[in-house]
Amino acid sequence: MKSKLGVALLGIAIFLMGGIAGAITHYLYMEHLKPVNAPKIPTYQDIVDGMAKELMLDAQQKEALKRIFDKSRKRYFNLALEYRPYYEKIRIETEDQIKEILRPDQRMHYEEFLRKVYSPPTPPTEQKSAW
């Protein structure tokens, strides 16, 4: 009887010590190794506003700057559309070359990987209200 109680108490003590060690480790991680926030990528409007402020542009100049950026963005977009087929061709050739060096079992995993990489992101599921 005494030994069963001792084993049970020892198990509980070990469980509690593991929980305490986990809590301390989590605390130390959060306090000393916090993930670094990625820098914010400036938006089109951030750039226009920043330039307008830095250069002390008036409203008319700011509107002209927006038109310049709009025109340039359209040109970049059209250029990307024009060259996209070339990039796609290189990507497909590269994938095919990789498949050639893989065993059949590896190829299955690689093709699954490619499906995940090139599939559109799934929207987050909506939380349904309990009401």
Protein backbone atom coordinates (compact mmCIF):
# COMPACT_ATOMS: atom_id res chain seq x y z
CA MET A 1 0.00 0.00 0.00
CA LYS A 2 2.74 2.38 0.99
CA SER A 3 4.69 1.83 -2.23
CA LYS A 4 1.64 2.47 -4.47
CA LEU A 5 1.04 5.79 -2.73
CA GLY A 6 4.71 6.68 -3.08
CA VAL A 7 4.72 5.90 -6.80
CA ALA A 8 1.57 7.98 -7.31
CA LEU A 9 3.02 10.94 -5.39
CA LEU A 10 6.29 10.66 -7.31
CA GLY A 11 4.36 10.70 -10.62
CA ILE A 12 2.41 13.78 -9.54
CA ALA A 13 5.62 15.52 -8.41
CA ILE A 14 7.32 14.78 -11.74
CA PHE A 15 4.27 16.07 -13.63
CA LEU A 16 4.23 19.30 -11.60
CA MET A 17 7.98 19.84 -12.06
CA GLY A 18 7.55 19.43 -15.83
CA GLY A 19 4.77 22.04 -15.83
CA ILE A 20 6.89 24.45 -13.81
CA ALA A 21 9.91 23.92 -16.08
CA GLY A 22 7.70 24.53 -19.14
CA ALA A 23 6.27 27.72 -17.65
CA ILE A 24 9.73 29.06 -16.79
CA THR A 25 11.08 28.20 -20.23
CA HIS A 26 8.11 29.91 -21.92
CA TYR A 27 8.57 33.01 -19.76
CA LEU A 28 12.29 33.21 -20.57
CA TYR A 29 11.59 32.78 -24.28
CA MET A 30 8.96 35.51 -24.33
CA GLU A 31 11.10 37.93 -22.32
CA HIS A 32 14.46 37.42 -23.98
CA LEU A 33 13.91 35.89 -27.39
CA LYS A 34 10.80 37.65 -28.63
CA PRO A 35 10.27 37.23 -32.37
CA VAL A 36 11.42 40.27 -34.26
CA ASN A 37 8.57 42.07 -35.98
CA ALA A 38 9.06 42.25 -39.70
CA PRO A 39 9.44 45.79 -40.98
CA LYS A 40 6.30 47.24 -42.50
CA ILE A 41 6.37 47.36 -46.28
CA PRO A 42 5.42 50.88 -47.30
CA THR A 43 2.28 51.21 -49.37
CA TYR A 44 1.85 53.44 -52.39
CA GLN A 45 0.10 56.02 -50.21
CA ASP A 46 2.89 55.88 -47.58
CA ILE A 47 5.47 56.70 -50.24
CA VAL A 48 3.47 59.60 -51.66
CA ASP A 49 2.74 61.00 -48.20
CA GLY A 50 6.37 60.59 -47.11
CA MET A 51 7.71 62.34 -50.20
CA ALA A 52 5.13 65.12 -49.89
CA LYS A 53 6.14 65.72 -46.29
CA GLU A 54 9.89 65.45 -46.86
CA LEU A 55 9.83 67.71 -49.93
CA MET A 56 7.14 70.01 -48.50
CA LEU A 57 4.93 69.58 -51.57
CA ASP A 58 1.75 71.58 -51.90
CA ALA A 59 -1.58 69.90 -52.76
CA GLN A 60 -1.14 70.44 -56.52
CA GLN A 61 2.34 68.91 -56.49
CA LYS A 62 1.11 65.97 -54.40
CA GLU A 63 -1.64 65.24 -56.95
CA ALA A 64 0.91 65.45 -59.78
CA LEU A 65 3.14 63.02 -57.86
CA LYS A 66 0.21 60.60 -57.48
CA ARG A 67 -0.44 60.75 -61.25
CA ILE A 68 3.24 60.04 -61.96
CA PHE A 69 3.20 57.04 -59.63
CA ASP A 70 -0.09 55.79 -61.09
CA LYS A 71 1.33 55.91 -64.59
CA SER A 72 4.53 54.15 -63.52
CA ARG A 73 2.62 51.45 -61.66
CA LYS A 74 0.55 50.72 -64.77
CA ARG A 75 3.71 50.46 -66.85
CA TYR A 76 5.33 48.09 -64.32
CA PHE A 77 2.18 45.96 -64.26
CA ASN A 78 2.05 45.74 -68.07
CA LEU A 79 5.73 44.85 -68.17
CA ALA A 80 5.15 42.09 -65.60
CA LEU A 81 2.29 40.72 -67.71
CA GLU A 82 4.47 40.75 -70.82
CA TYR A 83 7.35 38.86 -69.20
CA ARG A 84 5.32 36.52 -66.98
CA PRO A 85 5.20 33.74 -69.63
CA TYR A 86 9.01 33.70 -69.78
CA TYR A 87 9.28 33.34 -66.00
CA GLU A 88 6.61 30.61 -66.04
CA LYS A 89 8.51 28.71 -68.73
CA ILE A 90 11.72 28.81 -66.67
CA ARG A 91 9.83 27.75 -63.53
CA ILE A 92 8.23 24.78 -65.29
CA GLU A 93 11.53 23.70 -66.87
CA THR A 94 13.20 23.88 -63.46
CA GLU A 95 10.46 21.79 -61.84
CA ASP A 96 10.73 19.21 -64.62
CA GLN A 97 14.51 19.00 -64.19
CA ILE A 98 14.06 18.48 -60.45
CA LYS A 99 11.50 15.73 -61.07
CA GLU A 100 13.98 13.94 -63.34
CA ILE A 101 16.47 13.47 -60.50
CA LEU A 102 13.88 12.22 -57.99
CA ARG A 103 12.79 8.69 -57.27
CA PRO A 104 9.05 7.96 -57.78
CA ASP A 105 8.32 8.17 -54.02
CA GLN A 106 10.19 11.50 -53.80
CA ARG A 107 8.43 12.77 -56.92
CA MET A 108 5.04 12.20 -55.28
CA HIS A 109 6.11 14.28 -52.28
CA TYR A 110 7.58 16.96 -54.53
CA GLU A 111 4.39 17.22 -56.58
CA GLU A 112 2.33 17.51 -53.38
CA PHE A 113 4.71 20.23 -52.20
CA LEU A 114 4.23 22.12 -55.48
CA ARG A 115 0.44 21.87 -55.17
CA LYS A 116 0.65 23.44 -51.71
CA VAL A 117 3.04 26.17 -52.83
CA TYR A 118 1.03 27.18 -55.88
CA SER A 119 -2.47 26.76 -54.47
CA PRO A 120 -4.31 29.95 -53.61
CA PRO A 121 -4.39 30.75 -49.90
CA THR A 122 -7.50 29.62 -48.12
CA PRO A 123 -9.45 32.35 -46.37
CA PRO A 124 -9.64 32.04 -42.60
CA THR A 125 -12.73 30.26 -41.37
CA GLU A 126 -15.36 32.50 -39.95
CA GLN A 127 -16.27 32.15 -36.32
CA LYS A 128 -19.97 31.53 -36.00
CA SER A 129 -21.68 33.41 -33.24
CA ALA A 130 -23.40 31.42 -30.52
CA TRP A 131 -26.34 33.85 -30.69
